[in-house]
Amino acid sequence: MKSQTLLAVLVVLFLLVSSSLYIVDQRQRAIVFQLGEVVSVKTSPGLYFKIPMVQNVRFFDSRILTMDAEEPERFITSEKKNVLVDLFVKWRIVDVKQYYISVQGDEALARVRLAQTVNSSLRDEFGNRTVHEVISGERDKIMEIMRQKADADARNIGVEVVDVRLKRVDLPSEVSESVYRRMEAERKRVANELRSTGFADSEKIRSNADRQREVIMAKAYRDAQKNKGEGDAKATKIYAEAFSKNPEFYSFYRSLEAYKQSFQNKSDMMVLEPNSEFFKYLKNSNAK
């Protein structure tokens, strides 16, 4: 009987001790409530004690959280043109007590508050800028201004806005089609202009090459004719000098060449007078 009582007492003590201990993880913050009132806030990880059945503990995630827009939001620029913006926000709880008081520790309510703040800042910034500035010119500046404004408002609910990023800024589909068609027409115009310029340049290069070819050919023909003339002159001079030493031999040699050219084929026929000078050396083979 005593052992059973002792066992019961030990079980009760274990339950009391276990219900009075709680652990705060390094990724968490904790608020200790006593009868519904906040009595302490735990921001450091470790093992803590509480009064069983009188105090209760609620834990909150202290890591950086992401709020990602489900659908792109539509905003109007200073040119009264619509743009679709897809963004995300990085935030975390820095004052867990204020966070609980402001949004009852409800993450969904905190996201709604952040979304309202960011959208309001975006409308102000986009309303003062053109489409070009929004898309490329001042995108980084817009994101930094949005982060600062959103962070200043989020501090009121115990939240820090770490970063605000514009993932995509697009024109609506009905506007994009006309823009793309205009861009396509412009690209085609530039392409045709480049083709025309290239064709003109190619014709210019081709005509210049033809002109240079004609000049080179003319110079080459001139030089060839000059060299040929000089060669013929030298050959004639040499022949003249050689044959002037024996004119009769030269006459005989020329006659043999004429016979050779005249009777190349058996079918060749010539009609001449018998006493023609052409047969002088044939009729008189002993002539000197």
Protein backbone atom coordinates (compact mmCIF):
# COMPACT_ATOMS: atom_id res chain seq x y z
CA MET A 1 0.00 0.00 0.00
CA LYS A 2 2.80 2.38 0.87
CA SER A 3 4.60 1.54 -2.38
CA GLN A 4 1.47 2.38 -4.38
CA THR A 5 1.10 5.69 -2.58
CA LEU A 6 4.75 6.50 -3.18
CA LEU A 7 4.38 5.63 -6.86
CA ALA A 8 1.33 7.87 -7.14
CA VAL A 9 3.17 10.72 -5.45
CA LEU A 10 6.13 10.28 -7.83
CA VAL A 11 3.81 10.32 -10.85
CA VAL A 12 2.13 13.49 -9.64
CA LEU A 13 5.50 15.13 -9.01
CA PHE A 14 6.71 14.13 -12.48
CA LEU A 15 3.59 15.58 -14.08
CA LEU A 16 3.96 18.80 -12.10
CA VAL A 17 7.64 19.14 -13.00
CA SER A 18 7.07 18.29 -16.67
CA SER A 19 4.18 20.75 -16.94
CA SER A 20 6.25 23.48 -15.32
CA LEU A 21 9.15 23.18 -17.81
CA TYR A 22 9.23 24.43 -21.39
CA ILE A 23 11.95 24.91 -24.01
CA VAL A 24 12.36 27.91 -26.27
CA ASP A 25 14.03 26.92 -29.54
CA GLN A 26 16.63 29.21 -31.13
CA ARG A 27 14.20 29.79 -34.01
CA GLN A 28 11.41 30.89 -31.68
CA ARG A 29 10.21 33.61 -29.35
CA ALA A 30 7.81 32.88 -26.47
CA ILE A 31 5.23 34.80 -24.45
CA VAL A 32 4.22 33.61 -20.98
CA PHE A 33 0.60 34.31 -20.05
CA GLN A 34 -0.87 34.21 -16.56
CA LEU A 35 -4.65 34.12 -16.48
CA GLY A 36 -4.68 35.72 -19.97
CA GLU A 37 -2.23 38.51 -19.13
CA VAL A 38 1.28 38.76 -20.55
CA VAL A 39 3.76 38.33 -17.72
CA SER A 40 7.05 37.76 -19.58
CA VAL A 41 8.63 37.45 -23.01
CA LYS A 42 11.40 34.95 -23.78
CA THR A 43 13.69 35.93 -26.64
CA SER A 44 16.69 33.71 -25.84
CA PRO A 45 16.74 29.96 -26.40
CA GLY A 46 16.86 27.71 -23.34
CA LEU A 47 14.93 25.80 -20.66
CA TYR A 48 12.41 27.83 -18.63
CA PHE A 49 9.93 27.28 -15.75
CA LYS A 50 6.29 28.26 -15.47
CA ILE A 51 3.57 27.80 -12.88
CA PRO A 52 1.49 24.78 -13.89
CA MET A 53 -2.23 25.35 -14.58
CA VAL A 54 -1.76 29.08 -13.92
CA GLN A 55 0.62 30.09 -16.68
CA ASN A 56 0.67 29.05 -20.34
CA VAL A 57 3.19 29.68 -23.11
CA ARG A 58 2.69 30.65 -26.75
CA PHE A 59 5.50 30.32 -29.29
CA PHE A 60 6.19 32.48 -32.36
CA ASP A 61 8.53 31.88 -35.30
CA SER A 62 11.44 34.35 -35.32
CA ARG A 63 12.86 33.32 -38.71
CA ILE A 64 12.56 35.43 -41.87
CA LEU A 65 9.18 34.75 -43.46
CA THR A 66 8.07 35.32 -47.04
CA MET A 67 4.89 36.98 -48.20
CA ASP A 68 4.44 36.19 -51.89
CA ALA A 69 1.63 37.74 -53.91
CA GLU A 70 -0.76 35.12 -55.26
CA GLU A 71 -1.69 37.21 -58.31
CA PRO A 72 0.03 40.21 -59.92
CA GLU A 73 -1.43 43.54 -58.80
CA ARG A 74 -2.46 46.24 -61.28
CA PHE A 75 -1.05 49.74 -60.80
CA ILE A 76 -1.27 52.99 -62.81
CA THR A 77 1.80 54.99 -63.85
CA SER A 78 2.08 58.75 -64.30
CA GLU A 79 1.24 58.21 -67.99
CA LYS A 80 -2.10 56.66 -66.96
CA LYS A 81 -0.94 53.26 -68.19
CA ASN A 82 -1.64 50.03 -66.36
CA VAL A 83 1.17 47.69 -65.30
CA LEU A 84 1.02 44.30 -63.63
CA VAL A 85 3.41 43.88 -60.70
CA ASP A 86 4.43 40.59 -59.10
CA LEU A 87 6.39 40.98 -55.85
CA PHE A 88 7.37 39.35 -52.59
CA VAL A 89 8.21 40.66 -49.10
CA LYS A 90 10.70 39.24 -46.59
CA TRP A 91 9.75 39.97 -42.97
CA ARG A 92 10.23 38.73 -39.41
CA ILE A 93 8.94 39.32 -35.90
CA VAL A 94 11.24 41.54 -33.83
CA ASP A 95 8.90 42.60 -30.98
CA VAL A 96 6.83 39.56 -30.12
CA LYS A 97 4.77 41.34 -27.43
CA GLN A 98 3.80 44.19 -29.75
CA TYR A 99 3.12 41.62 -32.47
CA TYR A 100 0.69 39.81 -30.18
CA ILE A 101 -1.03 43.00 -29.04
CA SER A 102 -1.41 44.38 -32.59
CA VAL A 103 -2.52 41.30 -34.56
CA GLN A 104 -3.20 38.81 -31.74
CA GLY A 105 -0.19 36.88 -32.94
CA ASP A 106 -2.06 35.91 -36.11
CA GLU A 107 0.29 35.58 -39.07
CA ALA A 108 -2.56 35.95 -41.57
CA LEU A 109 -3.53 39.34 -40.08
CA ALA A 110 0.11 40.44 -40.18
CA ARG A 111 0.30 39.50 -43.87
CA VAL A 112 -2.83 41.50 -44.62
CA ARG A 113 -1.38 44.54 -42.86
CA LEU A 114 1.92 44.22 -44.76
CA ALA A 115 0.14 43.76 -48.09
CA GLN A 116 -1.92 46.91 -47.53
CA THR A 117 1.18 48.93 -46.65
CA VAL A 118 3.19 47.68 -49.63
CA ASN A 119 0.33 48.21 -52.10
CA SER A 120 -0.24 51.73 -50.84
CA SER A 121 3.47 52.55 -51.23
CA LEU A 122 3.51 51.03 -54.69
CA ARG A 123 0.56 53.10 -55.87
CA ASP A 124 2.27 56.27 -54.70
CA GLU A 125 5.60 55.40 -56.33
CA PHE A 126 4.17 54.13 -59.62
CA GLY A 127 1.84 57.13 -59.86
CA ASN A 128 4.87 59.45 -59.95
CA ARG A 129 6.85 57.50 -62.57
CA THR A 130 6.63 56.49 -66.22
CA VAL A 131 6.53 52.94 -67.53
CA HIS A 132 10.20 53.09 -68.54
CA GLU A 133 11.25 54.28 -65.08
CA VAL A 134 9.18 51.60 -63.39
CA ILE A 135 10.43 48.74 -65.56
CA SER A 136 14.12 49.54 -65.78
CA GLY A 137 15.16 53.09 -64.94
CA GLU A 138 14.41 53.35 -61.21
CA ARG A 139 13.42 49.85 -60.22
CA ASP A 140 16.04 49.47 -57.48
CA LYS A 141 15.17 52.88 -56.06
CA ILE A 142 11.47 52.00 -55.94
CA MET A 143 12.17 48.75 -54.09
CA GLU A 144 14.30 50.51 -51.47
CA ILE A 145 11.69 53.24 -50.91
CA MET A 146 8.99 50.59 -50.57
CA ARG A 147 11.06 48.65 -48.05
CA GLN A 148 11.64 51.74 -45.93
CA LYS A 149 7.96 52.75 -45.95
CA ALA A 150 6.75 49.23 -45.28
CA ASP A 151 9.29 48.77 -42.48
CA ALA A 152 8.28 52.05 -40.80
CA ASP A 153 4.64 50.93 -40.72
CA ALA A 154 5.43 47.32 -39.83
CA ARG A 155 7.32 48.39 -36.70
CA ASN A 156 3.95 49.41 -35.25
CA ILE A 157 2.95 45.74 -35.16
CA GLY A 158 6.36 44.46 -33.99
CA VAL A 159 7.52 43.36 -37.43
CA GLU A 160 10.66 44.23 -39.43
CA VAL A 161 10.50 44.30 -43.24
CA VAL A 162 13.83 42.89 -44.41
CA ASP A 163 13.36 43.22 -48.15
CA VAL A 164 10.81 44.03 -50.85
CA ARG A 165 11.43 42.71 -54.34
CA LEU A 166 9.64 43.28 -57.64
CA LYS A 167 9.85 39.94 -59.39
CA ARG A 168 8.18 41.09 -62.58
CA VAL A 169 6.68 44.26 -63.99
CA ASP A 170 4.63 43.63 -67.14
CA LEU A 171 2.18 45.46 -69.29
CA PRO A 172 -1.35 43.99 -69.49
CA SER A 173 -1.89 41.53 -72.33
CA GLU A 174 -3.98 43.94 -74.39
CA VAL A 175 -1.21 46.55 -74.19
CA SER A 176 1.60 44.04 -74.63
CA GLU A 177 0.23 42.89 -77.99
CA SER A 178 0.29 46.38 -79.46
CA VAL A 179 3.74 47.04 -77.97
CA TYR A 180 5.08 43.79 -79.40
CA ARG A 181 3.60 44.53 -82.81
CA ARG A 182 5.17 47.98 -82.76
CA MET A 183 8.51 46.50 -81.69
CA GLU A 184 8.27 43.85 -84.42
CA ALA A 185 7.53 46.48 -87.07
CA GLU A 186 10.45 48.57 -85.86
CA ARG A 187 12.79 45.58 -85.93
CA LYS A 188 11.64 44.72 -89.46
CA ARG A 189 12.22 48.30 -90.57
CA VAL A 190 15.73 48.26 -89.12
CA ALA A 191 16.40 44.85 -90.71
CA ASN A 192 15.26 46.07 -94.14
CA GLU A 193 17.35 49.19 -93.77
CA LEU A 194 20.40 47.10 -92.88
CA ARG A 195 19.75 44.78 -95.84
CA SER A 196 19.48 47.75 -98.20
CA THR A 197 22.66 49.27 -96.83
CA GLY A 198 24.42 45.93 -97.08
CA PHE A 199 23.25 45.41 -100.68
CA ALA A 200 24.44 48.91 -101.63
CA ASP A 201 27.79 48.30 -99.97
CA SER A 202 28.14 44.92 -101.69
CA GLU A 203 27.43 46.51 -105.09
CA LYS A 204 29.94 49.22 -104.36
CA ILE A 205 32.56 46.66 -103.35
CA ARG A 206 31.78 44.49 -106.39
CA SER A 207 32.01 47.42 -108.84
CA ASN A 208 35.23 48.58 -107.22
CA ALA A 209 36.65 45.07 -107.49
CA ASP A 210 35.61 44.87 -111.18
CA ARG A 211 37.23 48.24 -111.86
CA GLN A 212 40.44 47.17 -110.15
CA ARG A 213 40.35 43.92 -112.13
CA GLU A 214 40.02 45.80 -115.40
CA VAL A 215 42.85 48.14 -114.43
CA ILE A 216 45.07 45.23 -113.43
CA MET A 217 44.24 43.30 -116.64
CA ALA A 218 44.92 46.40 -118.77
CA LYS A 219 48.23 47.02 -117.05
CA ALA A 220 49.15 43.36 -117.39
CA TYR A 221 48.23 43.34 -121.12
CA ARG A 222 50.18 46.56 -121.62
CA ASP A 223 53.23 45.12 -119.88
CA ALA A 224 52.86 41.85 -121.82
CA GLN A 225 52.63 43.65 -125.14
CA LYS A 226 55.57 45.80 -124.18
CA ASN A 227 57.63 42.77 -123.24
CA LYS A 228 56.52 40.95 -126.38
CA GLY A 229 57.44 43.93 -128.54
CA GLU A 230 60.80 44.21 -126.89
CA GLY A 231 61.32 40.46 -127.35
CA ASP A 232 60.28 40.59 -131.00
CA ALA A 233 62.58 43.55 -131.58
CA LYS A 234 65.50 41.72 -129.99
CA ALA A 235 64.69 38.55 -131.95
CA THR A 236 64.46 40.53 -135.21
CA LYS A 237 67.74 42.23 -134.45
CA ILE A 238 69.41 38.92 -133.73
CA TYR A 239 67.95 37.36 -136.91
CA ALA A 240 69.02 40.37 -138.94
CA GLU A 241 72.53 40.27 -137.56
CA ALA A 242 72.77 36.54 -138.12
CA PHE A 243 71.33 36.50 -141.64
CA SER A 244 73.17 39.61 -142.78
CA LYS A 245 76.38 37.59 -142.61
CA ASN A 246 75.10 35.22 -145.34
CA PRO A 247 72.04 36.56 -147.24
CA GLU A 248 71.95 33.62 -149.63
CA PHE A 249 71.75 31.14 -146.75
CA TYR A 250 68.99 33.24 -145.20
CA SER A 251 67.04 33.16 -148.47
CA PHE A 252 67.56 29.40 -148.72
CA TYR A 253 66.42 28.90 -145.09
CA ARG A 254 63.30 31.00 -145.64
CA SER A 255 62.47 29.03 -148.78
CA LEU A 256 62.76 25.73 -146.90
CA GLU A 257 60.43 27.08 -144.23
CA ALA A 258 57.95 28.11 -146.93
CA TYR A 259 58.15 24.63 -148.54
CA LYS A 260 57.62 23.04 -145.16
CA GLN A 261 54.55 25.17 -144.43
CA SER A 262 53.09 24.73 -147.91
CA PHE A 263 53.36 20.93 -148.15
CA GLN A 264 52.39 19.74 -144.71
CA ASN A 265 49.65 17.42 -146.05
CA LYS A 266 49.65 15.10 -149.03
CA SER A 267 46.44 16.65 -150.25
CA ASP A 268 47.91 20.14 -150.43
CA MET A 269 47.99 21.60 -153.93
CA MET A 270 49.55 24.76 -155.35
CA VAL A 271 49.17 26.18 -158.90
CA LEU A 272 52.24 28.19 -159.90
CA GLU A 273 54.15 28.95 -163.06
CA PRO A 274 57.15 26.64 -163.64
CA ASN A 275 59.56 29.52 -163.77
CA SER A 276 58.28 30.99 -160.47
CA GLU A 277 60.85 32.19 -157.94
CA PHE A 278 59.18 29.90 -155.38
CA PHE A 279 60.86 26.82 -156.95
CA LYS A 280 64.21 28.45 -157.40
CA TYR A 281 66.04 26.16 -154.99
CA LEU A 282 64.15 23.06 -156.12
CA LYS A 283 65.10 23.54 -159.75
CA ASN A 284 68.68 24.40 -159.00
CA SER A 285 69.80 22.29 -156.07
CA ASN A 286 73.41 23.08 -156.82
CA ALA A 287 72.96 26.81 -156.61
CA LYS A 288 75.17 28.52 -154.16
